[in-house]
Structures are given as C-alpha cells and as structure tokens.
Amino acid sequence: MQTHYERIGGSAVIRRLVDRFYDLMDEDPDYYGIRKLHPQDLGESRNKLAWFLNGWMGGPPDYVDRFGHPFLRRRHLPFAVGVSERDQWMGCMLRAMQDVDLDAAMQQELADAFFQTADFMRNQPE
C-alpha cells in the first residue's frame, strides 16, 4: 500500500501545496487572522510545514531530523487558536489542495486528517 507521500507525488508536490497555502494566506483577507500569527517573512514557515508534511505523509522525516518531535500542540500554545483560526487554516489548505490539482480522493483523505489535527490545535474556548 502506498503512503500519502507516494500517492501525492513526493516532496515536490508537497512543496507546491505548501507554497500555494502560504501564497493564499498572504493574498486573501479571509486568512488574515492566521496570517498575523506568522512572521512577516514566511520562508521558515514554508520550510517547516513542508518538512513536517513530508514525514507526516510517510516520506522522509525532514522535520524530525532537524528539530526533533514536532509536539504540535505545545508549539502552538503561544498563539490563540480558536475555531476561527482552525477554520481559516482549513479553508486556506482546502483551496491550496484544489489549486495544485490533488485528486478528489486525496483531497478528502487529507482534509479529514488535517481537520483532526487543526481541531486538536485549538487552545481557546468556543
């Protein structure tokens, strides 16, 4: 059985997805709430998300090799992450997946997994 990493097309496609995600975050005011949680220069954010997704999808453990265990929730605790931020992140990622032409089945599988993770990041009451 192929990993999501193999099915999506490897690190090059993941990088395109991440770049589109952050381009949308920069361009679309609908994502201003999450954009303001990021540094002005998104270069490191782009790298970290791409490295993380490579390993998360079953590819090389680029993020873990560089930084150790991601401890996602702990790393996001300094930021107020509520339903609005979760939904903005998800909306941005859903658009990015469509824009890079991931097949519908892959989009749905990733959307389900991304939602679980994004919802877990919430640290603000509803």
C-alpha atoms as a PDB file:
ATOM      1  CA  MET A   1       0.000   0.000   0.000  1.00  0.00           C
ATOM      2  CA  GLN A   2       1.351   3.399  -0.974  1.00  0.00           C
ATOM      3  CA  THR A   3       1.835   6.177   1.547  1.00  0.00           C
ATOM      4  CA  HIS A   4       0.171   9.539   1.109  1.00  0.00           C
ATOM      5  CA  TYR A   5       3.661  10.861   0.360  1.00  0.00           C
ATOM      6  CA  GLU A   6       3.998   8.465  -2.587  1.00  0.00           C
ATOM      7  CA  ARG A   7       0.419   8.991  -3.753  1.00  0.00           C
ATOM      8  CA  ILE A   8       0.665  12.777  -3.682  1.00  0.00           C
ATOM      9  CA  GLY A   9       3.866  12.741  -5.742  1.00  0.00           C
ATOM     10  CA  GLY A  10       6.552  13.289  -3.121  1.00  0.00           C
ATOM     11  CA  SER A  11       8.274  16.344  -1.739  1.00  0.00           C
ATOM     12  CA  ALA A  12       7.979  18.442  -4.913  1.00  0.00           C
ATOM     13  CA  VAL A  13       4.169  18.298  -4.822  1.00  0.00           C
ATOM     14  CA  ILE A  14       4.104  18.850  -1.066  1.00  0.00           C
ATOM     15  CA  ARG A  15       6.275  21.930  -1.571  1.00  0.00           C
ATOM     16  CA  ARG A  16       3.886  23.239  -4.246  1.00  0.00           C
ATOM     17  CA  LEU A  17       0.990  22.659  -1.844  1.00  0.00           C
ATOM     18  CA  VAL A  18       2.751  24.478   0.995  1.00  0.00           C
ATOM     19  CA  ASP A  19       3.790  27.360  -1.241  1.00  0.00           C
ATOM     20  CA  ARG A  20       0.235  27.774  -2.520  1.00  0.00           C
ATOM     21  CA  PHE A  21      -1.081  27.601   1.058  1.00  0.00           C
ATOM     22  CA  TYR A  22       1.177  30.441   2.197  1.00  0.00           C
ATOM     23  CA  ASP A  23       0.614  32.443  -1.010  1.00  0.00           C
ATOM     24  CA  LEU A  24      -3.125  32.310  -0.336  1.00  0.00           C
ATOM     25  CA  MET A  25      -2.559  33.291   3.277  1.00  0.00           C
ATOM     26  CA  ASP A  26      -0.665  36.350   2.068  1.00  0.00           C
ATOM     27  CA  GLU A  27      -3.133  37.263  -0.693  1.00  0.00           C
ATOM     28  CA  ASP A  28      -6.604  36.603   0.683  1.00  0.00           C
ATOM     29  CA  PRO A  29      -8.008  38.750   3.510  1.00  0.00           C
ATOM     30  CA  ASP A  30     -10.181  35.783   4.549  1.00  0.00           C
ATOM     31  CA  TYR A  31      -6.996  34.330   6.063  1.00  0.00           C
ATOM     32  CA  TYR A  32      -5.742  37.499   7.774  1.00  0.00           C
ATOM     33  CA  GLY A  33      -6.465  36.039  11.208  1.00  0.00           C
ATOM     34  CA  ILE A  34      -3.964  33.240  10.749  1.00  0.00           C
ATOM     35  CA  ARG A  35      -1.547  35.301   8.646  1.00  0.00           C
ATOM     36  CA  LYS A  36      -0.976  37.688  11.542  1.00  0.00           C
ATOM     37  CA  LEU A  37       0.130  34.740  13.710  1.00  0.00           C
ATOM     38  CA  HIS A  38       3.088  34.175  11.357  1.00  0.00           C
ATOM     39  CA  PRO A  39       6.301  36.161  10.928  1.00  0.00           C
ATOM     40  CA  GLN A  40       6.481  38.763   8.164  1.00  0.00           C
ATOM     41  CA  ASP A  41       8.905  36.561   6.220  1.00  0.00           C
ATOM     42  CA  LEU A  42       7.200  33.224   5.594  1.00  0.00           C
ATOM     43  CA  GLY A  43      10.329  31.435   4.370  1.00  0.00           C
ATOM     44  CA  GLU A  44      10.952  29.462   7.544  1.00  0.00           C
ATOM     45  CA  SER A  45       7.240  28.728   7.983  1.00  0.00           C
ATOM     46  CA  ARG A  46       7.123  27.348   4.445  1.00  0.00           C
ATOM     47  CA  ASN A  47      10.136  25.142   5.082  1.00  0.00           C
ATOM     48  CA  LYS A  48       8.890  23.844   8.417  1.00  0.00           C
ATOM     49  CA  LEU A  49       5.442  22.941   7.099  1.00  0.00           C
ATOM     50  CA  ALA A  50       6.890  21.244   4.010  1.00  0.00           C
ATOM     51  CA  TRP A  51       9.379  19.296   6.125  1.00  0.00           C
ATOM     52  CA  PHE A  52       6.660  18.332   8.579  1.00  0.00           C
ATOM     53  CA  LEU A  53       4.222  17.210   5.867  1.00  0.00           C
ATOM     54  CA  ASN A  54       6.900  15.115   4.158  1.00  0.00           C
ATOM     55  CA  GLY A  55       7.219  12.976   7.271  1.00  0.00           C
ATOM     56  CA  TRP A  56       3.557  13.166   8.302  1.00  0.00           C
ATOM     57  CA  MET A  57       2.542  11.767   4.910  1.00  0.00           C
ATOM     58  CA  GLY A  58       5.018   8.882   5.144  1.00  0.00           C
ATOM     59  CA  GLY A  59       8.048  10.354   3.428  1.00  0.00           C
ATOM     60  CA  PRO A  60      11.427  11.357   4.811  1.00  0.00           C
ATOM     61  CA  PRO A  61      11.384  12.644   8.405  1.00  0.00           C
ATOM     62  CA  ASP A  62      12.837  16.026   7.436  1.00  0.00           C
ATOM     63  CA  TYR A  63      11.247  17.957  10.295  1.00  0.00           C
ATOM     64  CA  VAL A  64      12.124  15.409  12.981  1.00  0.00           C
ATOM     65  CA  ASP A  65      15.700  15.187  11.696  1.00  0.00           C
ATOM     66  CA  ARG A  66      16.088  18.952  12.087  1.00  0.00           C
ATOM     67  CA  PHE A  67      14.023  19.747  15.177  1.00  0.00           C
ATOM     68  CA  GLY A  68      13.056  16.524  16.927  1.00  0.00           C
ATOM     69  CA  HIS A  69       9.481  15.542  17.739  1.00  0.00           C
ATOM     70  CA  PRO A  70       7.071  18.210  16.476  1.00  0.00           C
ATOM     71  CA  PHE A  71       4.945  18.470  19.654  1.00  0.00           C
ATOM     72  CA  LEU A  72       2.439  20.384  17.528  1.00  0.00           C
ATOM     73  CA  ARG A  73       0.044  21.417  20.251  1.00  0.00           C
ATOM     74  CA  ARG A  74       2.846  22.604  22.530  1.00  0.00           C
ATOM     75  CA  ARG A  75       4.463  24.596  19.724  1.00  0.00           C
ATOM     76  CA  HIS A  76       1.156  26.338  19.007  1.00  0.00           C
ATOM     77  CA  LEU A  77       0.292  27.177  22.634  1.00  0.00           C
ATOM     78  CA  PRO A  78       1.819  30.688  22.462  1.00  0.00           C
ATOM     79  CA  PHE A  79      -0.813  31.555  19.836  1.00  0.00           C
ATOM     80  CA  ALA A  80      -4.534  31.975  20.406  1.00  0.00           C
ATOM     81  CA  VAL A  81      -6.016  29.210  18.259  1.00  0.00           C
ATOM     82  CA  GLY A  82      -9.780  29.002  18.313  1.00  0.00           C
ATOM     83  CA  VAL A  83     -12.498  27.862  15.965  1.00  0.00           C
ATOM     84  CA  SER A  84     -11.953  30.868  13.681  1.00  0.00           C
ATOM     85  CA  GLU A  85      -8.228  30.183  13.295  1.00  0.00           C
ATOM     86  CA  ARG A  86      -8.870  26.473  12.762  1.00  0.00           C
ATOM     87  CA  ASP A  87     -11.446  27.223  10.096  1.00  0.00           C
ATOM     88  CA  GLN A  88      -9.233  29.785   8.370  1.00  0.00           C
ATOM     89  CA  TRP A  89      -6.338  27.316   8.310  1.00  0.00           C
ATOM     90  CA  MET A  90      -8.588  24.615   6.909  1.00  0.00           C
ATOM     91  CA  GLY A  91     -10.122  26.923   4.304  1.00  0.00           C
ATOM     92  CA  CYS A  92      -6.695  28.005   3.150  1.00  0.00           C
ATOM     93  CA  MET A  93      -5.435  24.416   2.945  1.00  0.00           C
ATOM     94  CA  LEU A  94      -8.562  23.201   1.121  1.00  0.00           C
ATOM     95  CA  ARG A  95      -8.099  25.915  -1.507  1.00  0.00           C
ATOM     96  CA  ALA A  96      -4.396  25.111  -1.817  1.00  0.00           C
ATOM     97  CA  MET A  97      -5.176  21.416  -2.383  1.00  0.00           C
ATOM     98  CA  GLN A  98      -7.666  22.343  -5.108  1.00  0.00           C
ATOM     99  CA  ASP A  99      -5.268  24.811  -6.704  1.00  0.00           C
ATOM    100  CA  VAL A 100      -2.469  22.247  -7.003  1.00  0.00           C
ATOM    101  CA  ASP A 101      -4.954  19.785  -8.516  1.00  0.00           C
ATOM    102  CA  LEU A 102      -4.782  16.983  -5.987  1.00  0.00           C
ATOM    103  CA  ASP A 103      -7.259  14.289  -6.925  1.00  0.00           C
ATOM    104  CA  ALA A 104     -10.586  14.378  -5.104  1.00  0.00           C
ATOM    105  CA  ALA A 105      -9.959  11.243  -3.039  1.00  0.00           C
ATOM    106  CA  MET A 106      -6.597  12.564  -1.819  1.00  0.00           C
ATOM    107  CA  GLN A 107      -8.134  15.935  -1.010  1.00  0.00           C
ATOM    108  CA  GLN A 108     -10.833  14.294   1.091  1.00  0.00           C
ATOM    109  CA  GLU A 109      -8.430  11.989   2.938  1.00  0.00           C
ATOM    110  CA  LEU A 110      -6.071  14.846   3.719  1.00  0.00           C
ATOM    111  CA  ALA A 111      -8.906  17.210   4.631  1.00  0.00           C
ATOM    112  CA  ASP A 112     -10.220  14.707   7.179  1.00  0.00           C
ATOM    113  CA  ALA A 113      -6.759  14.251   8.701  1.00  0.00           C
ATOM    114  CA  PHE A 114      -5.944  17.968   8.589  1.00  0.00           C
ATOM    115  CA  PHE A 115      -9.209  18.805  10.337  1.00  0.00           C
ATOM    116  CA  GLN A 116      -8.475  16.423  13.194  1.00  0.00           C
ATOM    117  CA  THR A 117      -5.041  17.965  13.650  1.00  0.00           C
ATOM    118  CA  ALA A 118      -6.256  21.562  13.251  1.00  0.00           C
ATOM    119  CA  ASP A 119      -9.048  20.961  15.744  1.00  0.00           C
ATOM    120  CA  PHE A 120      -6.538  19.482  18.203  1.00  0.00           C
ATOM    121  CA  MET A 121      -4.500  22.722  17.974  1.00  0.00           C
ATOM    122  CA  ARG A 122      -7.368  24.756  19.448  1.00  0.00           C
ATOM    123  CA  ASN A 123      -6.486  26.265  22.809  1.00  0.00           C
ATOM    124  CA  GLN A 124      -9.300  28.796  23.100  1.00  0.00           C
ATOM    125  CA  PRO A 125     -12.870  28.151  24.258  1.00  0.00           C
ATOM    126  CA  GLU A 126     -15.550  28.046  21.586  1.00  0.00           C
END
